[in-house]
Amino acid sequence: MPFLLNEDKALKQKFQGLMVHDATSGMGRKVTVRYRNPEYELADSTFPLVLISHTRISRDEERESRGIVNVHYAPEGYEPWADMSDPTQSPYMAQVPIPLNIDYQLDVYARKELHIIELTGALMGFDLLPARFGYLPVGEDGTIRRLDLLGGPDYTESKDEQGKRLFCASWALRVSSEIFAYEIRALTPAQRVLVDFLDKQAWEEGSVRPFDATHEVTKTALSITTAALPGATAGLPYHQVLGFAGGHGEAHWSLPEGSRLPAGLALSHGGALFGTPQAPTPVGAPAQFLVAVRDSDYSPQVATAALTLTVSPAPPGS
């Protein structure tokens, strides 16, 4: 379940790399980040120190919902799928999770007040503890959570067990989370379906007689059949329909992220490469790009292919 352990790890990671500076620190002094529990003796600490504590877990009624949902990330303890950048490919289903808020207290300790002031300025930056729109990236499940600043910084001054002064700044934080009340259901796409065909005449006469009790329907792999493209000419219209085989249902074509067609050309959802190229490609260096096709099955398949296209210069006088 994506709860508490993942958030704790992500929160500790968020505050790594903090530094303080003074006349004796040279390039700077690294700030230690730890949790208060398990049992922790402040007198044994090295300073400056960021100390994180759990304070409360509560339900977030504003995010309540009901029903079955597709879980768009790999819950803790479950394997990620092939393309984690596409949450719609998640094989996991579950009852709508119970939304929770995890509250933390962040205490920053330092021997020098100058260090507390420096750390306050650093922590209140946009990437750490902004007054609004805070966020917490949780690398374990690929989600971005809300990180709300509930209060702080509040300043105190005390002494440790050795009688040395300690300056402290404290913040109250809240991280959005959720917990599943029921078991995650992992969906396995069907690879073949066994169908019983009945004799129509026998059925109409009231007799159930199998026509072919072992007929098998097999799911065929999706692939792109276009291996090469005819050349194009700069300034002249171009149209070529890409081909595919296998899969199920209607196909949907697209360009993977980062793939670029020659200027002036476009790819339709139906697989048509069309338009008017604006400029020729360099001699011996055709344009290279990726295309992708997805079928419309319940558990869709995706196929990709690398294609090249040579764009010749416009004819003289055109």
Protein backbone atom coordinates (compact mmCIF):
# COMPACT_ATOMS: atom_id res chain seq x y z
CA MET A 1 0.00 0.00 0.00
CA PRO A 2 1.30 3.49 -0.83
CA PHE A 3 1.14 4.58 2.80
CA LEU A 4 3.52 6.02 5.41
CA LEU A 5 6.74 4.16 4.52
CA ASN A 6 6.86 5.72 1.07
CA GLU A 7 5.93 9.18 2.39
CA ASP A 8 8.49 9.00 5.20
CA LYS A 9 11.27 8.10 2.78
CA ALA A 10 10.27 10.85 0.33
CA LEU A 11 10.04 13.52 3.04
CA LYS A 12 13.49 12.68 4.41
CA GLN A 13 14.91 12.73 0.88
CA LYS A 14 13.37 16.17 0.22
CA PHE A 15 15.52 17.82 2.88
CA GLN A 16 18.82 16.19 1.94
CA GLY A 17 21.60 18.48 0.77
CA LEU A 18 20.93 21.46 3.06
CA MET A 19 24.08 23.40 3.98
CA VAL A 20 25.00 26.21 6.41
CA HIS A 21 27.91 28.62 6.16
CA ASP A 22 29.99 30.66 8.58
CA ALA A 23 33.54 31.90 8.99
CA THR A 24 34.84 28.46 10.01
CA SER A 25 32.84 26.18 7.72
CA GLY A 26 34.84 26.65 4.52
CA MET A 27 32.65 25.40 1.64
CA GLY A 28 29.78 24.86 4.06
CA ARG A 29 28.60 22.40 6.70
CA LYS A 30 26.16 19.62 5.79
CA VAL A 31 22.86 19.44 7.71
CA THR A 32 21.90 16.02 9.11
CA VAL A 33 18.31 14.82 8.50
CA ARG A 34 16.79 12.19 10.81
CA TYR A 35 13.51 10.96 12.27
CA ARG A 36 12.87 11.36 16.00
CA ASN A 37 11.73 7.73 16.24
CA PRO A 38 13.10 5.19 16.83
CA GLU A 39 14.38 6.45 20.20
CA TYR A 40 16.75 9.36 19.64
CA GLU A 41 19.04 11.18 22.10
CA LEU A 42 19.42 14.86 21.22
CA ALA A 43 22.57 15.13 23.33
CA ASP A 44 24.31 12.69 20.97
CA SER A 45 23.43 14.72 17.86
CA THR A 46 25.62 16.70 15.54
CA PHE A 47 24.33 20.12 14.55
CA PRO A 48 22.76 21.65 12.51
CA LEU A 49 20.07 18.96 12.54
CA VAL A 50 16.67 18.48 10.88
CA LEU A 51 14.48 16.22 13.03
CA ILE A 52 11.19 14.86 11.62
CA SER A 53 8.37 13.57 13.83
CA HIS A 54 4.97 11.96 13.15
CA THR A 55 2.19 13.88 14.88
CA ARG A 56 -1.15 12.68 13.47
CA ILE A 57 -2.96 10.71 10.74
CA SER A 58 -6.53 11.71 9.89
CA ARG A 59 -9.15 11.08 7.20
CA ASP A 60 -9.55 13.74 4.52
CA GLU A 61 -13.31 13.86 3.97
CA GLU A 62 -13.00 16.43 1.17
CA ARG A 63 -11.43 13.76 -1.04
CA GLU A 64 -13.89 10.96 -0.20
CA SER A 65 -15.37 8.89 -3.07
CA ARG A 66 -16.87 5.45 -3.71
CA GLY A 67 -16.62 2.65 -6.26
CA ILE A 68 -13.90 0.72 -8.12
CA VAL A 69 -10.99 2.64 -9.63
CA ASN A 70 -8.02 1.91 -11.83
CA VAL A 71 -4.92 2.51 -9.68
CA HIS A 72 -2.68 4.76 -11.78
CA TYR A 73 0.54 3.84 -9.96
CA ALA A 74 2.19 0.68 -8.65
CA PRO A 75 1.10 0.37 -4.99
CA GLU A 76 3.77 -0.50 -2.47
CA GLY A 77 4.66 -4.17 -2.82
CA TYR A 78 3.36 -4.51 -6.41
CA GLU A 79 5.44 -4.67 -9.59
CA PRO A 80 5.50 -1.65 -11.97
CA TRP A 81 4.30 -2.18 -15.53
CA ALA A 82 6.33 -1.81 -18.71
CA ASP A 83 5.59 1.87 -19.46
CA MET A 84 5.12 3.72 -16.14
CA SER A 85 4.84 7.02 -18.04
CA ASP A 86 1.38 5.88 -19.25
CA PRO A 87 -0.86 5.45 -16.17
CA THR A 88 -3.72 4.10 -18.31
CA GLN A 89 -1.73 0.86 -18.75
CA SER A 90 -1.89 0.07 -15.03
CA PRO A 91 -3.12 -3.52 -14.44
CA TYR A 92 -4.31 -2.76 -10.89
CA MET A 93 -7.90 -2.22 -9.72
CA ALA A 94 -9.19 -1.54 -6.20
CA GLN A 95 -11.99 -0.04 -4.17
CA VAL A 96 -11.59 3.74 -4.04
CA PRO A 97 -8.84 4.30 -1.45
CA ILE A 98 -9.56 6.02 1.85
CA PRO A 99 -7.96 9.49 1.60
CA LEU A 100 -5.77 10.37 4.57
CA ASN A 101 -3.60 13.23 5.75
CA ILE A 102 -0.26 12.53 7.42
CA ASP A 103 0.88 15.32 9.74
CA TYR A 104 4.53 15.82 10.60
CA GLN A 105 6.54 18.22 12.73
CA LEU A 106 9.85 19.45 11.38
CA ASP A 107 12.31 20.74 14.01
CA VAL A 108 15.56 22.38 12.93
CA TYR A 109 18.27 22.63 15.61
CA ALA A 110 21.50 24.62 15.48
CA ARG A 111 24.16 25.88 17.89
CA LYS A 112 24.28 29.24 16.11
CA GLU A 113 21.33 31.54 15.56
CA LEU A 114 22.93 32.55 12.24
CA HIS A 115 22.46 28.96 11.03
CA ILE A 116 18.79 28.94 12.02
CA ILE A 117 18.19 32.12 10.02
CA GLU A 118 20.02 30.69 6.97
CA LEU A 119 18.08 27.41 7.15
CA THR A 120 14.75 29.22 7.54
CA GLY A 121 15.37 31.09 4.29
CA ALA A 122 16.39 27.90 2.48
CA LEU A 123 13.47 25.79 3.77
CA MET A 124 10.82 28.34 2.79
CA GLY A 125 11.86 28.24 -0.86
CA PHE A 126 9.43 26.92 -3.50
CA ASP A 127 11.00 23.45 -3.74
CA LEU A 128 10.90 22.78 0.02
CA LEU A 129 8.33 24.44 2.32
CA PRO A 130 6.55 27.24 0.42
CA ALA A 131 3.62 28.99 2.08
CA ARG A 132 1.36 27.57 -0.66
CA PHE A 133 1.45 25.04 -3.52
CA GLY A 134 3.94 22.75 -1.80
CA TYR A 135 4.57 19.30 -3.26
CA LEU A 136 6.25 16.02 -2.34
CA PRO A 137 7.49 13.68 -5.11
CA VAL A 138 7.20 10.06 -3.92
CA GLY A 139 9.66 8.08 -6.02
CA GLU A 140 8.49 4.67 -4.80
CA ASP A 141 5.15 4.90 -6.64
CA GLY A 142 5.75 7.78 -9.07
CA THR A 143 3.15 10.14 -7.53
CA ILE A 144 3.31 13.82 -6.62
CA ARG A 145 1.57 14.55 -3.29
CA ARG A 146 0.32 17.75 -1.73
CA LEU A 147 2.63 19.17 0.93
CA ASP A 148 0.78 21.80 2.98
CA LEU A 149 2.44 24.12 5.48
CA LEU A 150 0.11 24.15 8.52
CA GLY A 151 2.22 26.41 10.70
CA GLY A 152 5.65 27.83 11.37
CA PRO A 153 8.34 28.62 11.60
CA ASP A 154 8.08 28.97 15.39
CA TYR A 155 11.33 29.82 17.17
CA THR A 156 12.53 28.62 20.59
CA GLU A 157 15.82 28.62 22.48
CA SER A 158 16.88 25.96 24.99
CA LYS A 159 19.88 24.09 26.34
CA ASP A 160 20.86 20.47 25.85
CA GLU A 161 21.91 18.05 28.61
CA GLN A 162 25.44 19.42 28.44
CA GLY A 163 24.23 22.96 29.09
CA LYS A 164 24.99 24.17 25.56
CA ARG A 165 22.58 26.56 23.84
CA LEU A 166 20.31 25.22 21.09
CA PHE A 167 18.30 27.38 18.72
CA CYS A 168 15.24 25.72 17.17
CA ALA A 169 12.77 26.53 14.36
CA SER A 170 9.65 24.33 14.00
CA TRP A 171 7.15 23.76 11.17
CA ALA A 172 3.89 21.76 11.05
CA LEU A 173 3.45 19.89 7.74
CA ARG A 174 0.70 17.83 6.09
CA VAL A 175 1.17 15.28 3.29
CA SER A 176 -1.76 13.85 1.31
CA SER A 177 -1.98 10.07 1.21
CA GLU A 178 -4.45 7.20 0.91
CA ILE A 179 -4.87 3.64 2.13
CA PHE A 180 -6.70 0.71 0.56
CA ALA A 181 -9.36 -0.98 2.67
CA TYR A 182 -9.49 -3.95 0.29
CA GLU A 183 -6.97 -6.07 -1.56
CA ILE A 184 -5.49 -4.78 -4.82
CA ARG A 185 -6.74 -6.75 -7.80
CA ALA A 186 -4.13 -7.44 -10.46
CA LEU A 187 -5.74 -7.87 -13.87
CA THR A 188 -4.19 -10.38 -16.28
CA PRO A 189 -5.06 -9.69 -19.95
CA ALA A 190 -6.70 -12.66 -21.66
CA GLN A 191 -4.42 -14.33 -24.20
CA ARG A 192 -6.96 -16.82 -25.60
CA VAL A 193 -10.68 -17.47 -25.34
CA LEU A 194 -12.31 -20.90 -25.67
CA VAL A 195 -15.75 -20.74 -27.29
CA ASP A 196 -18.46 -23.41 -27.65
CA PHE A 197 -20.43 -23.12 -30.91
CA LEU A 198 -23.90 -24.67 -30.97
CA ASP A 199 -25.69 -26.15 -33.96
CA LYS A 200 -28.36 -23.53 -34.86
CA GLN A 201 -30.94 -26.04 -36.11
CA ALA A 202 -30.49 -28.27 -33.09
CA TRP A 203 -30.79 -25.24 -30.80
CA GLU A 204 -34.08 -24.21 -32.43
CA GLU A 205 -35.33 -27.77 -31.96
CA GLY A 206 -34.51 -27.60 -28.26
CA SER A 207 -31.32 -29.68 -28.34
CA VAL A 208 -27.96 -28.31 -27.16
CA ARG A 209 -25.43 -29.97 -29.44
CA PRO A 210 -21.90 -28.52 -29.64
CA PHE A 211 -20.81 -27.64 -33.14
CA ASP A 212 -17.12 -27.31 -32.25
CA ALA A 213 -16.31 -27.53 -28.56
CA THR A 214 -12.58 -26.86 -29.00
CA HIS A 215 -12.67 -23.73 -31.19
CA GLU A 216 -9.97 -21.35 -30.02
CA VAL A 217 -9.69 -17.61 -30.51
CA THR A 218 -6.11 -16.35 -30.05
CA LYS A 219 -5.11 -12.78 -29.34
CA THR A 220 -2.73 -11.69 -32.14
CA ALA A 221 0.20 -9.38 -31.50
CA LEU A 222 -0.02 -5.82 -32.84
CA SER A 223 2.73 -4.76 -35.25
CA ILE A 224 3.51 -2.00 -37.77
CA THR A 225 3.88 -3.34 -41.30
CA THR A 226 5.21 -0.20 -42.98
CA ALA A 227 8.96 -0.69 -43.19
CA ALA A 228 9.91 2.04 -45.68
CA LEU A 229 8.35 5.27 -46.92
CA PRO A 230 8.42 6.61 -50.48
CA GLY A 231 10.39 9.82 -50.85
CA ALA A 232 8.83 13.28 -50.69
CA THR A 233 9.61 16.54 -52.48
CA ALA A 234 9.87 19.92 -50.81
CA GLY A 235 6.93 22.16 -51.69
CA LEU A 236 4.78 19.33 -53.08
CA PRO A 237 1.88 17.60 -51.27
CA TYR A 238 2.68 14.24 -49.67
CA HIS A 239 0.31 11.49 -48.52
CA GLN A 240 1.11 8.00 -47.29
CA VAL A 241 -1.06 5.69 -45.14
CA LEU A 242 0.87 3.60 -42.59
CA GLY A 243 -0.02 -0.07 -42.20
CA PHE A 244 -0.42 -2.37 -39.22
CA ALA A 245 -1.39 -5.96 -38.47
CA GLY A 246 -2.87 -7.82 -35.49
CA GLY A 247 -4.36 -6.27 -32.41
CA HIS A 248 -8.06 -5.84 -31.79
CA GLY A 249 -10.50 -3.18 -32.94
CA GLU A 250 -9.74 0.31 -34.16
CA ALA A 251 -6.13 1.53 -34.32
CA HIS A 252 -4.97 4.91 -33.04
CA TRP A 253 -1.69 6.36 -34.36
CA SER A 254 0.56 8.90 -32.62
CA LEU A 255 4.12 10.16 -32.32
CA PRO A 256 5.96 9.07 -29.15
CA GLU A 257 7.26 11.86 -26.95
CA GLY A 258 10.32 13.51 -28.50
CA SER A 259 9.65 12.23 -32.03
CA ARG A 260 9.50 14.94 -34.73
CA LEU A 261 8.33 14.80 -38.34
CA PRO A 262 9.89 16.94 -41.08
CA ALA A 263 8.47 20.47 -41.02
CA GLY A 264 5.16 20.66 -42.87
CA LEU A 265 4.10 17.04 -42.27
CA ALA A 266 1.64 15.62 -39.74
CA LEU A 267 0.37 12.19 -38.66
CA SER A 268 -3.39 11.65 -38.34
CA HIS A 269 -4.99 9.37 -35.74
CA GLY A 270 -5.93 7.07 -38.62
CA GLY A 271 -2.29 6.58 -39.67
CA ALA A 272 -2.07 9.02 -42.62
CA LEU A 273 1.25 10.83 -43.00
CA PHE A 274 0.33 13.97 -44.93
CA GLY A 275 1.16 17.60 -45.64
CA THR A 276 3.66 19.58 -47.71
CA PRO A 277 7.33 19.29 -46.70
CA GLN A 278 8.89 22.72 -46.30
CA ALA A 279 12.57 21.89 -46.85
CA PRO A 280 14.70 19.08 -48.28
CA THR A 281 16.67 16.78 -46.02
CA PRO A 282 20.50 16.83 -46.24
CA VAL A 283 22.05 14.51 -48.79
CA GLY A 284 22.59 11.09 -47.22
CA ALA A 285 20.80 12.10 -44.00
CA PRO A 286 17.06 11.36 -44.25
CA ALA A 287 14.70 12.45 -41.48
CA GLN A 288 14.34 9.82 -38.76
CA PHE A 289 11.33 9.54 -36.43
CA LEU A 290 9.28 7.07 -34.39
CA VAL A 291 5.59 6.26 -34.89
CA ALA A 292 3.31 4.33 -32.51
CA VAL A 293 -0.02 2.55 -32.94
CA ARG A 294 -2.37 1.42 -30.15
CA ASP A 295 -5.33 -0.93 -30.56
CA SER A 296 -8.70 -0.53 -28.81
CA ASP A 297 -8.69 -3.74 -26.78
CA TYR A 298 -9.66 -3.61 -23.08
CA SER A 299 -5.97 -4.18 -22.35
CA PRO A 300 -4.52 -2.26 -25.32
CA GLN A 301 -1.38 -3.26 -27.15
CA VAL A 302 1.12 -0.68 -28.42
CA ALA A 303 3.61 -1.13 -31.26
CA THR A 304 6.31 1.30 -32.35
CA ALA A 305 8.55 1.53 -35.40
CA ALA A 306 11.43 3.72 -36.54
CA LEU A 307 10.93 5.19 -40.04
CA THR A 308 13.02 7.36 -42.32
CA LEU A 309 11.91 9.83 -44.99
CA THR A 310 14.00 11.49 -47.66
CA VAL A 311 12.74 14.92 -48.80
CA SER A 312 14.20 15.94 -52.17
CA PRO A 313 14.72 19.58 -53.23
CA ALA A 314 11.89 21.26 -55.16
CA PRO A 315 12.17 20.96 -58.97
CA PRO A 316 13.83 23.93 -60.68
CA GLY A 317 11.38 26.70 -61.47
CA SER A 318 8.71 25.43 -59.06
